[in-house]
Amino acid sequence: LAMAVAIRVSSPGPVIYRSRRPGVGGVPFDCLKFRTMYADADRRQSELEELNEAGGAIFKMRNDPRVTPVGKLLRRLSLDELPQLLNVLRGEMSLVGPRPLPQRDYDRLEEWHKKRYLVLPGVTGLWQLSGRSDLEFDDMVRLDFLYLERWSVSLDLQILVKDDRGAPDGSNEPLVPPEPEEPREPEEPAEPQQPEAPGRPEEPEEQTTPPKVIVVVVED
């Protein structure tokens, strides 16, 4: 509620900004965010294109004049993306996955970039854990492919815990997904042991008895 009031007081316009973005399979959806820019931001986009500081398909300015003072704070704390939890409940996004790009960026993608749209976009991903401000766009896409190749529930949990927007340990070290384990070859069954051939039964020892002595007495 406090964020909503601050957004409305800082500049005219709605509290929630609906950004139309391609989702899984390139199907567009309304990506929800707390509004961090002035209401005429989309119209002023073309005026600022020549000041783009990012390479590749994306647009980025460190000191974008369209961002409101409250918006700068929300972005620094990454609170502007909280409404995307509603997109997750709608089935339009997942908690972890490739970040959804604005339509302007999507239209500038190369064909190999679009493979990242084979899955639901995520609220967070490897971009957030790997120096997202310093990476080239192609490297960001390669991180998406690495995530898709090595996906596991354990990896998703690691990303959620280490996300620098709320990492409990304050760590900002890059997360490298582990390589999938190669399947082990089944062990060959041990050869059954042959039962030993029964030996000849031992012959009982002959018991020798002392001979009987017969004494004959002859009387005269």
C-alpha atoms as a PDB file:
ATOM      1  CA  LEU A   1       0.000   0.000   0.000  1.00  0.00           C
ATOM      2  CA  ALA A   2       2.836   2.409   0.834  1.00  0.00           C
ATOM      3  CA  MET A   3       4.467   1.736  -2.554  1.00  0.00           C
ATOM      4  CA  ALA A   4       1.183   2.390  -4.361  1.00  0.00           C
ATOM      5  CA  VAL A   5       0.724   5.723  -2.586  1.00  0.00           C
ATOM      6  CA  ALA A   6       4.329   6.744  -3.297  1.00  0.00           C
ATOM      7  CA  ILE A   7       3.956   5.931  -7.002  1.00  0.00           C
ATOM      8  CA  ARG A   8       0.732   7.929  -7.323  1.00  0.00           C
ATOM      9  CA  VAL A   9       2.104  10.926  -5.436  1.00  0.00           C
ATOM     10  CA  SER A  10       5.436  11.032  -7.306  1.00  0.00           C
ATOM     11  CA  SER A  11       3.892  11.294 -10.780  1.00  0.00           C
ATOM     12  CA  PRO A  12       0.503  11.044 -12.493  1.00  0.00           C
ATOM     13  CA  GLY A  13      -0.441   7.704 -13.966  1.00  0.00           C
ATOM     14  CA  PRO A  14      -1.482   4.186 -12.939  1.00  0.00           C
ATOM     15  CA  VAL A  15       0.230   2.283 -10.131  1.00  0.00           C
ATOM     16  CA  ILE A  16       0.552  -0.914 -12.201  1.00  0.00           C
ATOM     17  CA  TYR A  17       2.245  -0.764 -15.592  1.00  0.00           C
ATOM     18  CA  ARG A  18       1.177  -3.416 -18.090  1.00  0.00           C
ATOM     19  CA  SER A  19       4.054  -4.147 -20.439  1.00  0.00           C
ATOM     20  CA  ARG A  20       2.987  -6.170 -23.465  1.00  0.00           C
ATOM     21  CA  ARG A  21       5.740  -8.754 -23.923  1.00  0.00           C
ATOM     22  CA  PRO A  22       6.179 -12.012 -25.868  1.00  0.00           C
ATOM     23  CA  GLY A  23       5.942 -15.091 -23.658  1.00  0.00           C
ATOM     24  CA  VAL A  24       6.384 -18.798 -24.293  1.00  0.00           C
ATOM     25  CA  GLY A  25       6.274 -19.494 -28.032  1.00  0.00           C
ATOM     26  CA  GLY A  26       6.282 -15.733 -28.699  1.00  0.00           C
ATOM     27  CA  VAL A  27       2.643 -15.402 -27.579  1.00  0.00           C
ATOM     28  CA  PRO A  28       2.241 -11.916 -26.030  1.00  0.00           C
ATOM     29  CA  PHE A  29       0.937 -11.324 -22.510  1.00  0.00           C
ATOM     30  CA  ASP A  30       0.671  -8.391 -20.101  1.00  0.00           C
ATOM     31  CA  CYS A  31       3.765  -8.434 -17.893  1.00  0.00           C
ATOM     32  CA  LEU A  32       2.828  -6.597 -14.691  1.00  0.00           C
ATOM     33  CA  LYS A  33       5.153  -4.174 -12.887  1.00  0.00           C
ATOM     34  CA  PHE A  34       4.906  -1.304 -10.465  1.00  0.00           C
ATOM     35  CA  ARG A  35       5.239   1.791 -12.628  1.00  0.00           C
ATOM     36  CA  THR A  36       8.731   3.250 -12.344  1.00  0.00           C
ATOM     37  CA  MET A  37       8.604   5.677 -15.302  1.00  0.00           C
ATOM     38  CA  TYR A  38       6.591   8.719 -16.241  1.00  0.00           C
ATOM     39  CA  ALA A  39       3.362   8.091 -18.143  1.00  0.00           C
ATOM     40  CA  ASP A  40       4.832   9.238 -21.490  1.00  0.00           C
ATOM     41  CA  ALA A  41       7.837   6.872 -21.320  1.00  0.00           C
ATOM     42  CA  ASP A  42       6.801   4.692 -24.259  1.00  0.00           C
ATOM     43  CA  ARG A  43       6.269   7.718 -26.488  1.00  0.00           C
ATOM     44  CA  ARG A  44       9.735   9.070 -25.655  1.00  0.00           C
ATOM     45  CA  GLN A  45      11.465   5.771 -26.469  1.00  0.00           C
ATOM     46  CA  SER A  46      12.253   6.748 -30.064  1.00  0.00           C
ATOM     47  CA  GLU A  47      13.859  10.027 -28.913  1.00  0.00           C
ATOM     48  CA  LEU A  48      16.367   8.148 -26.754  1.00  0.00           C
ATOM     49  CA  GLU A  49      17.386   5.335 -29.120  1.00  0.00           C
ATOM     50  CA  GLU A  50      20.638   7.032 -30.109  1.00  0.00           C
ATOM     51  CA  LEU A  51      21.623   7.210 -26.422  1.00  0.00           C
ATOM     52  CA  ASN A  52      21.330   3.457 -25.915  1.00  0.00           C
ATOM     53  CA  GLU A  53      24.282   2.209 -23.842  1.00  0.00           C
ATOM     54  CA  ALA A  54      23.624  -1.514 -24.306  1.00  0.00           C
ATOM     55  CA  GLY A  55      24.705  -3.699 -27.172  1.00  0.00           C
ATOM     56  CA  GLY A  56      22.595  -6.213 -29.022  1.00  0.00           C
ATOM     57  CA  ALA A  57      18.821  -6.180 -28.960  1.00  0.00           C
ATOM     58  CA  ILE A  58      18.164  -4.541 -25.598  1.00  0.00           C
ATOM     59  CA  PHE A  59      17.841  -0.859 -24.662  1.00  0.00           C
ATOM     60  CA  LYS A  60      19.463   0.474 -21.510  1.00  0.00           C
ATOM     61  CA  MET A  61      20.503   3.826 -20.053  1.00  0.00           C
ATOM     62  CA  ARG A  62      22.147   4.243 -16.667  1.00  0.00           C
ATOM     63  CA  ASN A  63      20.454   7.611 -16.135  1.00  0.00           C
ATOM     64  CA  ASP A  64      17.222   7.212 -18.066  1.00  0.00           C
ATOM     65  CA  PRO A  65      15.358  10.533 -17.756  1.00  0.00           C
ATOM     66  CA  ARG A  66      12.007   8.743 -17.918  1.00  0.00           C
ATOM     67  CA  VAL A  67      12.507   7.013 -14.540  1.00  0.00           C
ATOM     68  CA  THR A  68      10.795   8.711 -11.584  1.00  0.00           C
ATOM     69  CA  PRO A  69      12.590   9.256  -8.246  1.00  0.00           C
ATOM     70  CA  VAL A  70      10.398   6.616  -6.600  1.00  0.00           C
ATOM     71  CA  GLY A  71      10.989   4.363  -9.575  1.00  0.00           C
ATOM     72  CA  LYS A  72      14.756   4.510  -9.064  1.00  0.00           C
ATOM     73  CA  LEU A  73      14.326   3.265  -5.511  1.00  0.00           C
ATOM     74  CA  LEU A  74      11.956   0.487  -6.558  1.00  0.00           C
ATOM     75  CA  ARG A  75      14.346  -0.632  -9.286  1.00  0.00           C
ATOM     76  CA  ARG A  76      17.362  -0.605  -6.994  1.00  0.00           C
ATOM     77  CA  LEU A  77      15.489  -2.865  -4.567  1.00  0.00           C
ATOM     78  CA  SER A  78      13.843  -4.801  -7.448  1.00  0.00           C
ATOM     79  CA  LEU A  79      10.448  -4.261  -5.852  1.00  0.00           C
ATOM     80  CA  ASP A  80       8.966  -3.132  -9.161  1.00  0.00           C
ATOM     81  CA  GLU A  81       8.660  -6.768 -10.279  1.00  0.00           C
ATOM     82  CA  LEU A  82       6.577  -8.007  -7.325  1.00  0.00           C
ATOM     83  CA  PRO A  83       3.294  -7.852  -9.318  1.00  0.00           C
ATOM     84  CA  GLN A  84       4.717 -10.536 -11.618  1.00  0.00           C
ATOM     85  CA  LEU A  85       3.787 -13.070  -8.949  1.00  0.00           C
ATOM     86  CA  LEU A  86       0.257 -12.605 -10.304  1.00  0.00           C
ATOM     87  CA  ASN A  87       1.571 -13.545 -13.769  1.00  0.00           C
ATOM     88  CA  VAL A  88       2.957 -16.716 -12.180  1.00  0.00           C
ATOM     89  CA  LEU A  89      -0.457 -17.563 -10.697  1.00  0.00           C
ATOM     90  CA  ARG A  90      -2.030 -17.020 -14.120  1.00  0.00           C
ATOM     91  CA  GLY A  91       0.390 -19.484 -15.702  1.00  0.00           C
ATOM     92  CA  GLU A  92       1.983 -16.787 -17.899  1.00  0.00           C
ATOM     93  CA  MET A  93       5.343 -16.870 -16.090  1.00  0.00           C
ATOM     94  CA  SER A  94       7.337 -19.080 -13.758  1.00  0.00           C
ATOM     95  CA  LEU A  95       9.398 -18.079 -10.733  1.00  0.00           C
ATOM     96  CA  VAL A  96      12.643 -18.981 -12.531  1.00  0.00           C
ATOM     97  CA  GLY A  97      13.339 -18.801 -16.241  1.00  0.00           C
ATOM     98  CA  PRO A  98      14.525 -16.527 -19.056  1.00  0.00           C
ATOM     99  CA  ARG A  99      13.481 -12.922 -18.446  1.00  0.00           C
ATOM    100  CA  PRO A 100      10.698 -11.649 -20.747  1.00  0.00           C
ATOM    101  CA  LEU A 101      11.850  -8.888 -23.082  1.00  0.00           C
ATOM    102  CA  PRO A 102       9.775  -5.902 -24.255  1.00  0.00           C
ATOM    103  CA  GLN A 103       8.337  -6.119 -27.777  1.00  0.00           C
ATOM    104  CA  ARG A 104      10.873  -3.523 -28.934  1.00  0.00           C
ATOM    105  CA  ASP A 105      13.759  -5.856 -27.959  1.00  0.00           C
ATOM    106  CA  TYR A 106      12.038  -8.990 -29.264  1.00  0.00           C
ATOM    107  CA  ASP A 107      11.730  -7.458 -32.735  1.00  0.00           C
ATOM    108  CA  ARG A 108      15.528  -7.075 -32.831  1.00  0.00           C
ATOM    109  CA  LEU A 109      16.372 -10.666 -31.883  1.00  0.00           C
ATOM    110  CA  GLU A 110      18.210 -13.029 -34.182  1.00  0.00           C
ATOM    111  CA  GLU A 111      16.633 -16.409 -34.855  1.00  0.00           C
ATOM    112  CA  TRP A 112      18.965 -18.319 -32.534  1.00  0.00           C
ATOM    113  CA  HIS A 113      18.051 -15.930 -29.704  1.00  0.00           C
ATOM    114  CA  LYS A 114      14.391 -16.936 -29.917  1.00  0.00           C
ATOM    115  CA  LYS A 115      15.060 -20.478 -28.666  1.00  0.00           C
ATOM    116  CA  ARG A 116      14.863 -18.992 -25.169  1.00  0.00           C
ATOM    117  CA  TYR A 117      11.111 -18.660 -25.742  1.00  0.00           C
ATOM    118  CA  LEU A 118      10.595 -22.428 -25.712  1.00  0.00           C
ATOM    119  CA  VAL A 119       9.766 -22.201 -21.993  1.00  0.00           C
ATOM    120  CA  LEU A 120       7.817 -19.857 -19.740  1.00  0.00           C
ATOM    121  CA  PRO A 121       9.627 -16.605 -18.909  1.00  0.00           C
ATOM    122  CA  GLY A 122      10.678 -16.211 -15.301  1.00  0.00           C
ATOM    123  CA  VAL A 123      10.536 -13.583 -12.577  1.00  0.00           C
ATOM    124  CA  THR A 124      14.234 -14.250 -11.989  1.00  0.00           C
ATOM    125  CA  GLY A 125      16.981 -16.248 -13.658  1.00  0.00           C
ATOM    126  CA  LEU A 126      20.703 -16.653 -14.173  1.00  0.00           C
ATOM    127  CA  TRP A 127      20.925 -13.073 -15.498  1.00  0.00           C
ATOM    128  CA  GLN A 128      20.239 -11.786 -11.989  1.00  0.00           C
ATOM    129  CA  LEU A 129      23.085 -13.868 -10.534  1.00  0.00           C
ATOM    130  CA  SER A 130      25.795 -13.298 -13.124  1.00  0.00           C
ATOM    131  CA  GLY A 131      26.493  -9.575 -13.309  1.00  0.00           C
ATOM    132  CA  ARG A 132      23.489  -8.599 -15.404  1.00  0.00           C
ATOM    133  CA  SER A 133      24.735  -4.987 -15.733  1.00  0.00           C
ATOM    134  CA  ASP A 134      28.070  -6.019 -17.254  1.00  0.00           C
ATOM    135  CA  LEU A 135      27.120  -8.881 -19.564  1.00  0.00           C
ATOM    136  CA  GLU A 136      26.815  -8.572 -23.320  1.00  0.00           C
ATOM    137  CA  PHE A 137      23.405  -9.513 -24.665  1.00  0.00           C
ATOM    138  CA  ASP A 138      24.664 -12.642 -26.447  1.00  0.00           C
ATOM    139  CA  ASP A 139      26.225 -13.824 -23.180  1.00  0.00           C
ATOM    140  CA  MET A 140      22.881 -13.312 -21.433  1.00  0.00           C
ATOM    141  CA  VAL A 141      21.189 -15.501 -24.035  1.00  0.00           C
ATOM    142  CA  ARG A 142      23.867 -18.165 -23.600  1.00  0.00           C
ATOM    143  CA  LEU A 143      23.108 -18.164 -19.875  1.00  0.00           C
ATOM    144  CA  ASP A 144      19.468 -18.856 -20.746  1.00  0.00           C
ATOM    145  CA  PHE A 145      20.521 -21.808 -22.892  1.00  0.00           C
ATOM    146  CA  LEU A 146      22.776 -23.070 -20.099  1.00  0.00           C
ATOM    147  CA  TYR A 147      19.845 -22.895 -17.685  1.00  0.00           C
ATOM    148  CA  LEU A 148      17.591 -24.819 -20.094  1.00  0.00           C
ATOM    149  CA  GLU A 149      20.263 -27.470 -20.675  1.00  0.00           C
ATOM    150  CA  ARG A 150      20.971 -28.083 -16.996  1.00  0.00           C
ATOM    151  CA  TRP A 151      17.550 -27.404 -15.498  1.00  0.00           C
ATOM    152  CA  SER A 152      16.617 -29.138 -12.274  1.00  0.00           C
ATOM    153  CA  VAL A 153      14.463 -28.388  -9.253  1.00  0.00           C
ATOM    154  CA  SER A 154      17.657 -28.027  -7.238  1.00  0.00           C
ATOM    155  CA  LEU A 155      18.991 -25.391  -9.665  1.00  0.00           C
ATOM    156  CA  ASP A 156      15.754 -23.385  -9.411  1.00  0.00           C
ATOM    157  CA  LEU A 157      15.985 -23.428  -5.620  1.00  0.00           C
ATOM    158  CA  GLN A 158      19.606 -22.238  -5.748  1.00  0.00           C
ATOM    159  CA  ILE A 159      18.653 -19.342  -8.025  1.00  0.00           C
ATOM    160  CA  LEU A 160      15.769 -18.304  -5.768  1.00  0.00           C
ATOM    161  CA  VAL A 161      17.977 -18.417  -2.660  1.00  0.00           C
ATOM    162  CA  LYS A 162      20.963 -16.616  -4.213  1.00  0.00           C
ATOM    163  CA  ASP A 163      18.964 -13.982  -6.107  1.00  0.00           C
ATOM    164  CA  ASP A 164      20.703 -10.691  -5.265  1.00  0.00           C
ATOM    165  CA  ARG A 165      17.320  -9.062  -4.781  1.00  0.00           C
ATOM    166  CA  GLY A 166      16.951 -10.870  -1.492  1.00  0.00           C
ATOM    167  CA  ALA A 167      19.837 -13.242  -0.971  1.00  0.00           C
ATOM    168  CA  PRO A 168      19.976 -14.058   2.728  1.00  0.00           C
ATOM    169  CA  ASP A 169      23.759 -14.428   2.676  1.00  0.00           C
ATOM    170  CA  GLY A 170      24.276 -11.251   0.676  1.00  0.00           C
ATOM    171  CA  SER A 171      26.380 -13.144  -1.823  1.00  0.00           C
ATOM    172  CA  ASN A 172      26.589 -12.005  -5.428  1.00  0.00           C
ATOM    173  CA  GLU A 173      28.844 -14.727  -6.807  1.00  0.00           C
ATOM    174  CA  PRO A 174      27.959 -16.117 -10.246  1.00  0.00           C
ATOM    175  CA  LEU A 175      26.055 -19.356 -10.104  1.00  0.00           C
ATOM    176  CA  VAL A 176      27.253 -22.025 -12.508  1.00  0.00           C
ATOM    177  CA  PRO A 177      24.763 -24.860 -12.971  1.00  0.00           C
ATOM    178  CA  PRO A 178      26.357 -28.275 -12.442  1.00  0.00           C
ATOM    179  CA  GLU A 179      26.839 -30.509 -15.432  1.00  0.00           C
ATOM    180  CA  PRO A 180      24.339 -33.358 -15.616  1.00  0.00           C
ATOM    181  CA  GLU A 181      25.758 -36.645 -14.435  1.00  0.00           C
ATOM    182  CA  GLU A 182      26.453 -39.189 -17.136  1.00  0.00           C
ATOM    183  CA  PRO A 183      24.410 -42.359 -16.763  1.00  0.00           C
ATOM    184  CA  ARG A 184      26.413 -45.186 -15.312  1.00  0.00           C
ATOM    185  CA  GLU A 185      26.748 -48.426 -17.228  1.00  0.00           C
ATOM    186  CA  PRO A 186      24.979 -51.279 -15.492  1.00  0.00           C
ATOM    187  CA  GLU A 187      27.352 -53.620 -13.778  1.00  0.00           C
ATOM    188  CA  GLU A 188      27.649 -57.078 -15.264  1.00  0.00           C
ATOM    189  CA  PRO A 189      26.119 -59.721 -13.037  1.00  0.00           C
ATOM    190  CA  ALA A 190      28.643 -61.909 -11.280  1.00  0.00           C
ATOM    191  CA  GLU A 191      29.061 -65.371 -12.709  1.00  0.00           C
ATOM    192  CA  PRO A 192      27.301 -67.974 -10.574  1.00  0.00           C
ATOM    193  CA  GLN A 193      29.731 -70.106  -8.662  1.00  0.00           C
ATOM    194  CA  GLN A 194      29.765 -73.758  -9.606  1.00  0.00           C
ATOM    195  CA  PRO A 195      28.948 -76.016  -6.672  1.00  0.00           C
ATOM    196  CA  GLU A 196      31.828 -78.176  -5.634  1.00  0.00           C
ATOM    197  CA  ALA A 197      31.616 -81.828  -6.727  1.00  0.00           C
ATOM    198  CA  PRO A 198      30.814 -84.033  -3.798  1.00  0.00           C
ATOM    199  CA  GLY A 199      33.837 -86.082  -2.736  1.00  0.00           C
ATOM    200  CA  ARG A 200      33.849 -89.768  -1.962  1.00  0.00           C
ATOM    201  CA  PRO A 201      32.544 -90.443   1.491  1.00  0.00           C
ATOM    202  CA  GLU A 202      35.252 -91.369   3.874  1.00  0.00           C
ATOM    203  CA  GLU A 203      35.301 -95.061   4.758  1.00  0.00           C
ATOM    204  CA  PRO A 204      34.830 -95.685   8.423  1.00  0.00           C
ATOM    205  CA  GLU A 205      37.940 -96.858  10.185  1.00  0.00           C
ATOM    206  CA  GLU A 206      38.015-100.558  10.968  1.00  0.00           C
ATOM    207  CA  GLN A 207      37.866-101.162  14.667  1.00  0.00           C
ATOM    208  CA  THR A 208      40.241-103.877  15.785  1.00  0.00           C
ATOM    209  CA  THR A 209      39.266-105.946  18.831  1.00  0.00           C
ATOM    210  CA  PRO A 210      41.865-107.882  20.792  1.00  0.00           C
ATOM    211  CA  PRO A 211      41.682-111.649  20.193  1.00  0.00           C
ATOM    212  CA  LYS A 212      40.013-113.735  22.843  1.00  0.00           C
ATOM    213  CA  VAL A 213      42.273-116.117  24.769  1.00  0.00           C
ATOM    214  CA  ILE A 214      40.685-119.453  25.693  1.00  0.00           C
ATOM    215  CA  VAL A 215      42.322-121.306  28.557  1.00  0.00           C
ATOM    216  CA  VAL A 216      41.656-125.069  28.720  1.00  0.00           C
ATOM    217  CA  VAL A 217      42.366-126.745  32.019  1.00  0.00           C
ATOM    218  CA  VAL A 218      42.914-130.566  31.859  1.00  0.00           C
ATOM    219  CA  GLU A 219      42.496-132.498  35.082  1.00  0.00           C
ATOM    220  CA  ASP A 220      44.354-135.764  35.684  1.00  0.00           C
END
